Amino acid sequence: MAPVQQYYYSIIPLLDELHIALMVATSLQAQQRDVLDFLTQAIHAARFGQEHPNLRPQTPAEEETPFGGVAP
């Protein structure tokens, strides 16, 4: 396999991940939600085996606290 083709095939997974990250950021921005807060919640949930934050638009009753709990 030529070096250019090998490079092309090795970068495809990275481009897929970048595409997903940009879609998530765009969705959160459209919902006027903080991207960094969402990512912090997602990393915390993954690290501690908790439920991950939801990307769907939230109603005021569904708003989450910083670490994934439901607001009282």
C-alpha atoms as a PDB file:
ATOM      1  CA  MET A   1       0.000   0.000   0.000  1.00  0.00           C
ATOM      2  CA  ALA A   2       1.334   3.438  -0.897  1.00  0.00           C
ATOM      3  CA  PRO A   3       2.222   5.742   2.041  1.00  0.00           C
ATOM      4  CA  VAL A   4      -0.472   8.271   1.038  1.00  0.00           C
ATOM      5  CA  GLN A   5      -3.175   5.588   1.017  1.00  0.00           C
ATOM      6  CA  GLN A   6      -1.986   4.239   4.346  1.00  0.00           C
ATOM      7  CA  TYR A   7      -2.150   7.742   5.862  1.00  0.00           C
ATOM      8  CA  TYR A   8      -5.617   8.287   4.393  1.00  0.00           C
ATOM      9  CA  TYR A   9      -6.978   5.069   5.884  1.00  0.00           C
ATOM     10  CA  SER A  10      -5.406   5.756   9.285  1.00  0.00           C
ATOM     11  CA  ILE A  11      -6.946   9.235   9.549  1.00  0.00           C
ATOM     12  CA  ILE A  12     -10.550   8.181   8.744  1.00  0.00           C
ATOM     13  CA  PRO A  13     -11.379   7.098  12.328  1.00  0.00           C
ATOM     14  CA  LEU A  14     -10.074  10.424  13.639  1.00  0.00           C
ATOM     15  CA  LEU A  15     -12.229  12.323  11.174  1.00  0.00           C
ATOM     16  CA  ASP A  16     -15.262  10.294  12.258  1.00  0.00           C
ATOM     17  CA  GLU A  17     -14.621  11.190  15.908  1.00  0.00           C
ATOM     18  CA  LEU A  18     -14.124  14.849  15.016  1.00  0.00           C
ATOM     19  CA  HIS A  19     -17.381  14.818  13.054  1.00  0.00           C
ATOM     20  CA  ILE A  20     -19.256  13.397  16.049  1.00  0.00           C
ATOM     21  CA  ALA A  21     -17.671  15.948  18.408  1.00  0.00           C
ATOM     22  CA  LEU A  22     -18.680  18.808  16.107  1.00  0.00           C
ATOM     23  CA  MET A  23     -22.251  17.475  15.852  1.00  0.00           C
ATOM     24  CA  VAL A  24     -22.508  17.275  19.642  1.00  0.00           C
ATOM     25  CA  ALA A  25     -21.111  20.795  20.068  1.00  0.00           C
ATOM     26  CA  THR A  26     -23.463  22.181  17.416  1.00  0.00           C
ATOM     27  CA  SER A  27     -26.463  20.487  19.003  1.00  0.00           C
ATOM     28  CA  LEU A  28     -25.587  21.797  22.467  1.00  0.00           C
ATOM     29  CA  GLN A  29     -25.031  25.316  21.148  1.00  0.00           C
ATOM     30  CA  ALA A  30     -28.399  25.233  19.365  1.00  0.00           C
ATOM     31  CA  GLN A  31     -29.959  24.332  22.722  1.00  0.00           C
ATOM     32  CA  GLN A  32     -27.981  27.147  24.389  1.00  0.00           C
ATOM     33  CA  ARG A  33     -26.257  24.601  26.634  1.00  0.00           C
ATOM     34  CA  ASP A  34     -22.640  24.835  27.739  1.00  0.00           C
ATOM     35  CA  VAL A  35     -20.438  22.434  25.764  1.00  0.00           C
ATOM     36  CA  LEU A  36     -17.719  22.258  28.425  1.00  0.00           C
ATOM     37  CA  ASP A  37     -20.265  21.469  31.161  1.00  0.00           C
ATOM     38  CA  PHE A  38     -21.723  18.668  29.020  1.00  0.00           C
ATOM     39  CA  LEU A  39     -18.292  17.184  28.327  1.00  0.00           C
ATOM     40  CA  THR A  40     -17.364  17.438  32.013  1.00  0.00           C
ATOM     41  CA  GLN A  41     -20.552  15.585  32.952  1.00  0.00           C
ATOM     42  CA  ALA A  42     -19.926  12.938  30.286  1.00  0.00           C
ATOM     43  CA  ILE A  43     -16.346  12.310  31.426  1.00  0.00           C
ATOM     44  CA  HIS A  44     -17.387  12.194  35.083  1.00  0.00           C
ATOM     45  CA  ALA A  45     -20.184   9.717  34.283  1.00  0.00           C
ATOM     46  CA  ALA A  46     -17.865   7.478  32.261  1.00  0.00           C
ATOM     47  CA  ARG A  47     -15.179   7.530  34.918  1.00  0.00           C
ATOM     48  CA  PHE A  48     -17.491   6.700  37.806  1.00  0.00           C
ATOM     49  CA  GLY A  49     -19.878   4.363  35.993  1.00  0.00           C
ATOM     50  CA  GLN A  50     -22.842   6.708  36.218  1.00  0.00           C
ATOM     51  CA  GLU A  51     -25.549   7.430  33.657  1.00  0.00           C
ATOM     52  CA  HIS A  52     -24.264   9.692  30.896  1.00  0.00           C
ATOM     53  CA  PRO A  53     -25.827  13.114  30.228  1.00  0.00           C
ATOM     54  CA  ASN A  54     -28.543  13.307  27.612  1.00  0.00           C
ATOM     55  CA  LEU A  55     -28.033  15.240  24.397  1.00  0.00           C
ATOM     56  CA  ARG A  56     -31.758  15.647  23.756  1.00  0.00           C
ATOM     57  CA  PRO A  57     -33.269  19.062  24.461  1.00  0.00           C
ATOM     58  CA  GLN A  58     -34.379  19.339  28.060  1.00  0.00           C
ATOM     59  CA  THR A  59     -37.450  20.909  29.569  1.00  0.00           C
ATOM     60  CA  PRO A  60     -36.924  22.984  32.749  1.00  0.00           C
ATOM     61  CA  ALA A  61     -38.198  20.073  34.901  1.00  0.00           C
ATOM     62  CA  GLU A  62     -35.570  17.760  33.370  1.00  0.00           C
ATOM     63  CA  GLU A  63     -32.550  20.022  33.854  1.00  0.00           C
ATOM     64  CA  GLU A  64     -29.636  18.207  35.388  1.00  0.00           C
ATOM     65  CA  THR A  65     -27.322  19.216  38.196  1.00  0.00           C
ATOM     66  CA  PRO A  66     -23.589  19.342  37.368  1.00  0.00           C
ATOM     67  CA  PHE A  67     -22.972  15.641  38.006  1.00  0.00           C
ATOM     68  CA  GLY A  68     -25.996  14.061  36.399  1.00  0.00           C
ATOM     69  CA  GLY A  69     -28.540  14.163  39.210  1.00  0.00           C
ATOM     70  CA  VAL A  70     -31.992  15.553  38.645  1.00  0.00           C
ATOM     71  CA  ALA A  71     -32.676  18.995  40.089  1.00  0.00           C
ATOM     72  CA  PRO A  72     -35.162  19.043  42.991  1.00  0.00           C
END
